[in-house]
Amino acid sequence: MSEETKNEWLEWIKAIAIAIALAFILRTFFFATSIVEGASMDPTLESGERVMFNKIIYYLDEPTHGDIVIIEKPSKNYVKRVIGKPGDTIEFRNNQLYINDQVQDQNYLDHQSLSGTRDFGPIKVPEERYFVMGDNRSISKDSRNGLGFVSEDEIIGRTELIIYPFNEISLTN
């Protein structure tokens, strides 16, 4: 094998090693994927869709109203929408969501998502906790019934992109 061929092989090996290391760093520290399970986020996200989420965003900022987040619990991960931040007062009545007595525009929901949603609140979100709900309010397991208030440590990222199925590729927020 000639010296030129050896150098070419070494360059290819270095390029592949750098690409693998970069992919590992991005996957470990910046972005990851999760599969949506169930219909609790319909119509925004459907069961079986794979989403890419940003793992570093909440080291730089805090979750805010409307963010679609990945919540890590011991049994499994959940995909939910942030409705209330620490100190907010949340209430749902007559098919309207109120945050701190202000009606919220929920243009990401359709009529079917709201049907069957019972009135609740007012509920004050404790300090260092978040109130989350699924977009399919009538069937979602969320802060109202099962998940409870969520700590910022349990929020491991913000969904950014639907990456599968390929014909559904789009931004989520």
C-alpha atoms as a PDB file:
ATOM      1  CA  MET A   1       0.000   0.000   0.000  1.00  0.00           C
ATOM      2  CA  SER A   2       1.418   3.353  -1.017  1.00  0.00           C
ATOM      3  CA  GLU A   3       2.025   6.202   1.402  1.00  0.00           C
ATOM      4  CA  GLU A   4      -0.637   8.280  -0.369  1.00  0.00           C
ATOM      5  CA  THR A   5      -3.246   5.529   0.068  1.00  0.00           C
ATOM      6  CA  LYS A   6      -2.352   5.196   3.780  1.00  0.00           C
ATOM      7  CA  ASN A   7      -2.764   8.954   4.278  1.00  0.00           C
ATOM      8  CA  GLU A   8      -6.122   8.884   2.509  1.00  0.00           C
ATOM      9  CA  TRP A   9      -7.318   6.046   4.758  1.00  0.00           C
ATOM     10  CA  LEU A  10      -6.129   7.896   7.851  1.00  0.00           C
ATOM     11  CA  GLU A  11      -8.014  11.031   6.754  1.00  0.00           C
ATOM     12  CA  TRP A  12     -11.203   9.003   6.257  1.00  0.00           C
ATOM     13  CA  ILE A  13     -10.817   7.331   9.651  1.00  0.00           C
ATOM     14  CA  LYS A  14     -10.260  10.713  11.338  1.00  0.00           C
ATOM     15  CA  ALA A  15     -13.316  12.208   9.597  1.00  0.00           C
ATOM     16  CA  ILE A  16     -15.508   9.278  10.638  1.00  0.00           C
ATOM     17  CA  ALA A  17     -14.207   9.396  14.231  1.00  0.00           C
ATOM     18  CA  ILE A  18     -14.887  13.144  14.442  1.00  0.00           C
ATOM     19  CA  ALA A  19     -18.397  12.672  13.023  1.00  0.00           C
ATOM     20  CA  ILE A  20     -19.168   9.916  15.566  1.00  0.00           C
ATOM     21  CA  ALA A  21     -17.775  11.991  18.456  1.00  0.00           C
ATOM     22  CA  LEU A  22     -19.769  15.045  17.343  1.00  0.00           C
ATOM     23  CA  ALA A  23     -22.966  12.991  17.022  1.00  0.00           C
ATOM     24  CA  PHE A  24     -22.369  11.536  20.503  1.00  0.00           C
ATOM     25  CA  ILE A  25     -21.839  14.997  22.031  1.00  0.00           C
ATOM     26  CA  LEU A  26     -24.938  16.437  20.317  1.00  0.00           C
ATOM     27  CA  ARG A  27     -27.094  13.470  21.350  1.00  0.00           C
ATOM     28  CA  THR A  28     -25.825  13.427  24.934  1.00  0.00           C
ATOM     29  CA  PHE A  29     -25.813  17.128  25.751  1.00  0.00           C
ATOM     30  CA  PHE A  30     -27.946  19.030  23.245  1.00  0.00           C
ATOM     31  CA  PHE A  31     -30.643  17.039  21.437  1.00  0.00           C
ATOM     32  CA  ALA A  32     -32.427  13.725  21.847  1.00  0.00           C
ATOM     33  CA  THR A  33     -35.539  12.048  20.512  1.00  0.00           C
ATOM     34  CA  SER A  34     -38.666  10.710  22.141  1.00  0.00           C
ATOM     35  CA  ILE A  35     -41.695   8.807  20.851  1.00  0.00           C
ATOM     36  CA  VAL A  36     -45.166  10.170  21.579  1.00  0.00           C
ATOM     37  CA  GLU A  37     -47.246   7.449  23.233  1.00  0.00           C
ATOM     38  CA  GLY A  38     -51.023   7.769  23.383  1.00  0.00           C
ATOM     39  CA  ALA A  39     -53.490  10.432  22.328  1.00  0.00           C
ATOM     40  CA  SER A  40     -53.024  12.932  25.178  1.00  0.00           C
ATOM     41  CA  MET A  41     -51.336  15.517  22.915  1.00  0.00           C
ATOM     42  CA  ASP A  42     -53.798  15.260  19.985  1.00  0.00           C
ATOM     43  CA  PRO A  43     -54.201  17.227  17.760  1.00  0.00           C
ATOM     44  CA  THR A  44     -50.708  18.757  18.138  1.00  0.00           C
ATOM     45  CA  LEU A  45     -48.801  15.467  18.373  1.00  0.00           C
ATOM     46  CA  GLU A  46     -50.094  12.033  17.461  1.00  0.00           C
ATOM     47  CA  SER A  47     -49.249   8.678  18.967  1.00  0.00           C
ATOM     48  CA  GLY A  48     -46.225   7.129  17.282  1.00  0.00           C
ATOM     49  CA  GLU A  49     -44.654  10.393  16.146  1.00  0.00           C
ATOM     50  CA  ARG A  50     -40.994  10.819  17.001  1.00  0.00           C
ATOM     51  CA  VAL A  51     -39.989  14.261  18.247  1.00  0.00           C
ATOM     52  CA  MET A  52     -36.591  15.853  18.657  1.00  0.00           C
ATOM     53  CA  PHE A  53     -36.168  17.783  21.880  1.00  0.00           C
ATOM     54  CA  ASN A  54     -33.692  20.402  23.005  1.00  0.00           C
ATOM     55  CA  LYS A  55     -31.929  19.267  26.181  1.00  0.00           C
ATOM     56  CA  ILE A  56     -29.865  22.387  26.826  1.00  0.00           C
ATOM     57  CA  ILE A  57     -32.557  25.087  26.547  1.00  0.00           C
ATOM     58  CA  TYR A  58     -33.586  24.940  30.198  1.00  0.00           C
ATOM     59  CA  TYR A  59     -30.012  25.328  31.411  1.00  0.00           C
ATOM     60  CA  LEU A  60     -30.125  28.738  29.715  1.00  0.00           C
ATOM     61  CA  ASP A  61     -33.769  29.677  30.316  1.00  0.00           C
ATOM     62  CA  GLU A  62     -36.837  28.412  32.165  1.00  0.00           C
ATOM     63  CA  PRO A  63     -39.945  26.707  30.794  1.00  0.00           C
ATOM     64  CA  THR A  64     -42.651  29.143  29.753  1.00  0.00           C
ATOM     65  CA  HIS A  65     -46.364  29.050  28.982  1.00  0.00           C
ATOM     66  CA  GLY A  66     -47.116  26.979  25.907  1.00  0.00           C
ATOM     67  CA  ASP A  67     -43.816  25.082  25.729  1.00  0.00           C
ATOM     68  CA  ILE A  68     -44.237  21.424  24.823  1.00  0.00           C
ATOM     69  CA  VAL A  69     -41.887  19.643  27.191  1.00  0.00           C
ATOM     70  CA  ILE A  70     -40.540  16.182  27.915  1.00  0.00           C
ATOM     71  CA  ILE A  71     -41.059  15.203  31.556  1.00  0.00           C
ATOM     72  CA  GLU A  72     -38.928  12.430  33.002  1.00  0.00           C
ATOM     73  CA  LYS A  73     -40.637  10.285  35.616  1.00  0.00           C
ATOM     74  CA  PRO A  74     -39.279   7.002  37.040  1.00  0.00           C
ATOM     75  CA  SER A  75     -41.819   4.919  35.140  1.00  0.00           C
ATOM     76  CA  LYS A  76     -41.660   6.712  31.761  1.00  0.00           C
ATOM     77  CA  ASN A  77     -41.316  10.023  29.951  1.00  0.00           C
ATOM     78  CA  TYR A  78     -44.337  12.225  29.220  1.00  0.00           C
ATOM     79  CA  VAL A  79     -44.919  14.874  26.561  1.00  0.00           C
ATOM     80  CA  LYS A  80     -47.068  17.745  27.891  1.00  0.00           C
ATOM     81  CA  ARG A  81     -47.659  21.477  27.464  1.00  0.00           C
ATOM     82  CA  VAL A  82     -46.625  23.970  30.171  1.00  0.00           C
ATOM     83  CA  ILE A  83     -49.775  25.755  31.329  1.00  0.00           C
ATOM     84  CA  GLY A  84     -48.684  27.299  34.632  1.00  0.00           C
ATOM     85  CA  LYS A  85     -45.369  28.559  35.952  1.00  0.00           C
ATOM     86  CA  PRO A  86     -44.389  28.936  39.620  1.00  0.00           C
ATOM     87  CA  GLY A  87     -46.745  31.350  41.369  1.00  0.00           C
ATOM     88  CA  ASP A  88     -49.430  31.314  38.620  1.00  0.00           C
ATOM     89  CA  THR A  89     -53.088  30.744  39.440  1.00  0.00           C
ATOM     90  CA  ILE A  90     -54.747  28.351  36.965  1.00  0.00           C
ATOM     91  CA  GLU A  91     -58.468  27.948  36.408  1.00  0.00           C
ATOM     92  CA  PHE A  92     -60.562  26.267  33.737  1.00  0.00           C
ATOM     93  CA  ARG A  93     -64.226  27.150  33.466  1.00  0.00           C
ATOM     94  CA  ASN A  94     -66.779  27.220  30.646  1.00  0.00           C
ATOM     95  CA  ASN A  95     -64.198  25.822  28.196  1.00  0.00           C
ATOM     96  CA  GLN A  96     -61.831  28.730  28.879  1.00  0.00           C
ATOM     97  CA  LEU A  97     -58.377  28.550  30.429  1.00  0.00           C
ATOM     98  CA  TYR A  98     -57.479  31.379  32.800  1.00  0.00           C
ATOM     99  CA  ILE A  99     -53.944  32.101  33.959  1.00  0.00           C
ATOM    100  CA  ASN A 100     -53.826  34.768  36.670  1.00  0.00           C
ATOM    101  CA  ASP A 101     -57.436  35.729  35.797  1.00  0.00           C
ATOM    102  CA  GLN A 102     -56.545  36.332  32.128  1.00  0.00           C
ATOM    103  CA  VAL A 103     -58.314  34.284  29.415  1.00  0.00           C
ATOM    104  CA  GLN A 104     -55.764  32.376  27.335  1.00  0.00           C
ATOM    105  CA  ASP A 105     -55.913  31.887  23.589  1.00  0.00           C
ATOM    106  CA  GLN A 106     -55.461  28.160  22.986  1.00  0.00           C
ATOM    107  CA  ASN A 107     -55.380  28.205  19.190  1.00  0.00           C
ATOM    108  CA  TYR A 108     -53.469  24.909  19.204  1.00  0.00           C
ATOM    109  CA  LEU A 109     -56.620  23.115  20.430  1.00  0.00           C
ATOM    110  CA  ASP A 110     -59.701  22.088  18.503  1.00  0.00           C
ATOM    111  CA  HIS A 111     -63.264  21.858  19.834  1.00  0.00           C
ATOM    112  CA  GLN A 112     -62.996  18.092  20.319  1.00  0.00           C
ATOM    113  CA  SER A 113     -59.905  18.542  22.543  1.00  0.00           C
ATOM    114  CA  LEU A 114     -61.912  20.703  24.935  1.00  0.00           C
ATOM    115  CA  SER A 115     -65.098  18.655  25.019  1.00  0.00           C
ATOM    116  CA  GLY A 116     -65.379  16.677  28.211  1.00  0.00           C
ATOM    117  CA  THR A 117     -62.900  18.874  30.051  1.00  0.00           C
ATOM    118  CA  ARG A 118     -64.335  19.566  33.485  1.00  0.00           C
ATOM    119  CA  ASP A 119     -63.986  22.899  35.215  1.00  0.00           C
ATOM    120  CA  PHE A 120     -61.253  23.070  37.859  1.00  0.00           C
ATOM    121  CA  GLY A 121     -59.479  25.585  40.025  1.00  0.00           C
ATOM    122  CA  PRO A 122     -58.455  28.078  40.867  1.00  0.00           C
ATOM    123  CA  ILE A 123     -55.192  26.303  41.636  1.00  0.00           C
ATOM    124  CA  LYS A 124     -52.031  28.142  42.682  1.00  0.00           C
ATOM    125  CA  VAL A 125     -48.842  26.628  41.266  1.00  0.00           C
ATOM    126  CA  PRO A 126     -46.276  26.183  44.071  1.00  0.00           C
ATOM    127  CA  GLU A 127     -42.846  27.755  43.851  1.00  0.00           C
ATOM    128  CA  GLU A 128     -40.329  25.712  41.846  1.00  0.00           C
ATOM    129  CA  ARG A 129     -43.151  23.710  40.214  1.00  0.00           C
ATOM    130  CA  TYR A 130     -45.014  23.753  36.886  1.00  0.00           C
ATOM    131  CA  PHE A 131     -48.570  22.859  35.914  1.00  0.00           C
ATOM    132  CA  VAL A 132     -48.724  20.823  32.687  1.00  0.00           C
ATOM    133  CA  MET A 133     -51.576  19.480  30.579  1.00  0.00           C
ATOM    134  CA  GLY A 134     -51.984  17.441  27.436  1.00  0.00           C
ATOM    135  CA  ASP A 135     -53.695  19.088  24.476  1.00  0.00           C
ATOM    136  CA  ASN A 136     -56.378  16.384  24.423  1.00  0.00           C
ATOM    137  CA  ARG A 137     -57.713  17.623  27.740  1.00  0.00           C
ATOM    138  CA  SER A 138     -60.494  15.089  28.235  1.00  0.00           C
ATOM    139  CA  ILE A 139     -58.160  12.054  28.322  1.00  0.00           C
ATOM    140  CA  SER A 140     -54.771  13.443  29.332  1.00  0.00           C
ATOM    141  CA  LYS A 141     -52.940  12.270  32.450  1.00  0.00           C
ATOM    142  CA  ASP A 142     -51.389  15.530  33.599  1.00  0.00           C
ATOM    143  CA  SER A 143     -51.073  17.914  36.565  1.00  0.00           C
ATOM    144  CA  ARG A 144     -54.814  17.639  37.203  1.00  0.00           C
ATOM    145  CA  ASN A 145     -54.872  13.865  37.661  1.00  0.00           C
ATOM    146  CA  GLY A 146     -51.813  11.750  38.160  1.00  0.00           C
ATOM    147  CA  LEU A 147     -48.664  13.708  37.356  1.00  0.00           C
ATOM    148  CA  GLY A 148     -49.245  16.491  39.859  1.00  0.00           C
ATOM    149  CA  PHE A 149     -47.084  19.584  39.793  1.00  0.00           C
ATOM    150  CA  VAL A 150     -43.796  19.038  37.951  1.00  0.00           C
ATOM    151  CA  SER A 151     -40.401  20.252  39.177  1.00  0.00           C
ATOM    152  CA  GLU A 152     -38.002  21.913  36.777  1.00  0.00           C
ATOM    153  CA  ASP A 153     -35.570  19.011  37.338  1.00  0.00           C
ATOM    154  CA  GLU A 154     -38.151  16.624  35.850  1.00  0.00           C
ATOM    155  CA  ILE A 155     -38.427  18.723  32.681  1.00  0.00           C
ATOM    156  CA  ILE A 156     -35.587  17.401  30.538  1.00  0.00           C
ATOM    157  CA  GLY A 157     -36.208  19.324  27.333  1.00  0.00           C
ATOM    158  CA  ARG A 158     -38.467  21.267  25.004  1.00  0.00           C
ATOM    159  CA  THR A 159     -39.775  19.622  21.867  1.00  0.00           C
ATOM    160  CA  GLU A 160     -38.618  21.404  18.760  1.00  0.00           C
ATOM    161  CA  LEU A 161     -39.382  19.213  15.782  1.00  0.00           C
ATOM    162  CA  ILE A 162     -41.461  16.260  14.641  1.00  0.00           C
ATOM    163  CA  ILE A 163     -38.967  14.069  12.789  1.00  0.00           C
ATOM    164  CA  TYR A 164     -41.030  10.957  12.049  1.00  0.00           C
ATOM    165  CA  PRO A 165     -43.081  10.025  10.125  1.00  0.00           C
ATOM    166  CA  PHE A 166     -41.203  11.870   7.415  1.00  0.00           C
ATOM    167  CA  ASN A 167     -44.350  13.330   5.819  1.00  0.00           C
ATOM    168  CA  GLU A 168     -45.141  15.015   9.183  1.00  0.00           C
ATOM    169  CA  ILE A 169     -41.793  16.791   9.677  1.00  0.00           C
ATOM    170  CA  SER A 170     -42.545  20.175  11.244  1.00  0.00           C
ATOM    171  CA  LEU A 171     -41.745  22.504  14.138  1.00  0.00           C
ATOM    172  CA  THR A 172     -43.759  21.908  17.322  1.00  0.00           C
ATOM    173  CA  ASN A 173     -43.645  25.332  19.030  1.00  0.00           C
END
